[in-house]
Protein backbone atom coordinates (compact mmCIF):
# COMPACT_ATOMS: atom_id res chain seq x y z
CA MET A 1 12.63 -11.88 -27.79
CA ASN A 2 15.90 -9.46 -27.20
CA PHE A 3 13.96 -7.30 -30.04
CA LEU A 4 10.70 -7.42 -27.69
CA ALA A 5 12.44 -6.87 -24.40
CA GLU A 6 13.92 -3.67 -26.01
CA GLN A 7 10.83 -2.14 -27.15
CA TYR A 8 9.04 -2.66 -24.07
CA LEU A 9 11.97 -1.68 -21.81
CA GLY A 10 13.75 0.90 -23.64
CA ARG A 11 16.78 1.53 -21.44
CA LEU A 12 15.41 0.43 -18.37
CA PRO A 13 17.52 -3.02 -17.35
CA ARG A 14 16.17 -5.98 -17.65
CA GLN A 15 15.77 -6.55 -13.92
CA THR A 16 13.83 -4.29 -13.50
CA PRO A 17 10.35 -4.87 -11.54
CA LEU A 18 8.35 -3.22 -14.73
CA ALA A 19 9.99 -6.15 -16.44
CA SER A 20 8.93 -8.95 -14.34
CA PRO A 21 7.54 -9.31 -10.75
CA VAL A 22 10.11 -11.66 -10.07
CA PHE A 23 12.40 -8.38 -9.48
CA ALA A 24 10.32 -6.88 -7.32
CA ASP A 25 10.13 -6.65 -3.58
CA LEU A 26 7.68 -8.85 -2.74
CA HIS A 27 7.67 -9.46 0.80
CA GLY A 28 4.00 -9.44 2.75
CA ILE A 29 2.11 -9.80 -0.41
CA ALA A 30 -1.14 -11.84 -0.03
CA PRO A 31 -1.22 -15.13 -0.95
CA LEU A 32 -0.89 -15.83 -4.60
CA ALA A 33 -2.03 -18.98 -7.23
CA ILE A 34 0.50 -19.15 -9.74
CA PHE A 35 -0.62 -21.41 -12.75
CA VAL A 36 1.44 -22.46 -15.66
CA GLY A 37 1.50 -24.86 -18.23
CA SER A 38 4.56 -27.05 -19.48
CA THR A 39 5.17 -25.60 -22.69
CA ASP A 40 5.02 -21.77 -21.32
CA ARG A 41 8.31 -20.06 -22.28
CA CYS A 42 8.35 -18.86 -18.82
CA TRP A 43 7.83 -22.10 -17.19
CA MET A 44 10.62 -21.24 -14.73
CA MET A 45 9.57 -17.79 -13.54
CA PRO A 46 6.63 -19.46 -10.92
CA SER A 47 9.56 -20.80 -8.84
CA GLN A 48 11.80 -17.45 -8.95
CA LEU A 49 8.39 -15.89 -8.28
CA ARG A 50 8.09 -17.84 -5.07
CA GLU A 51 11.58 -17.12 -3.62
CA ALA A 52 11.01 -13.43 -3.94
CA MET A 53 7.55 -13.78 -2.43
CA SER A 54 9.79 -15.63 0.60
């Protein structure tokens, strides 16, 4: 996973909004439906995304 992150982001930090919307300023965004499966590798991300929107 680290290799793929390095290939995608290059020298950008992993906390950049380009890596994940969790790190973006989402205040004022329209209502959003978030779906995640119980076996999804990123299953915690929806709760982080919800927090970023509030």
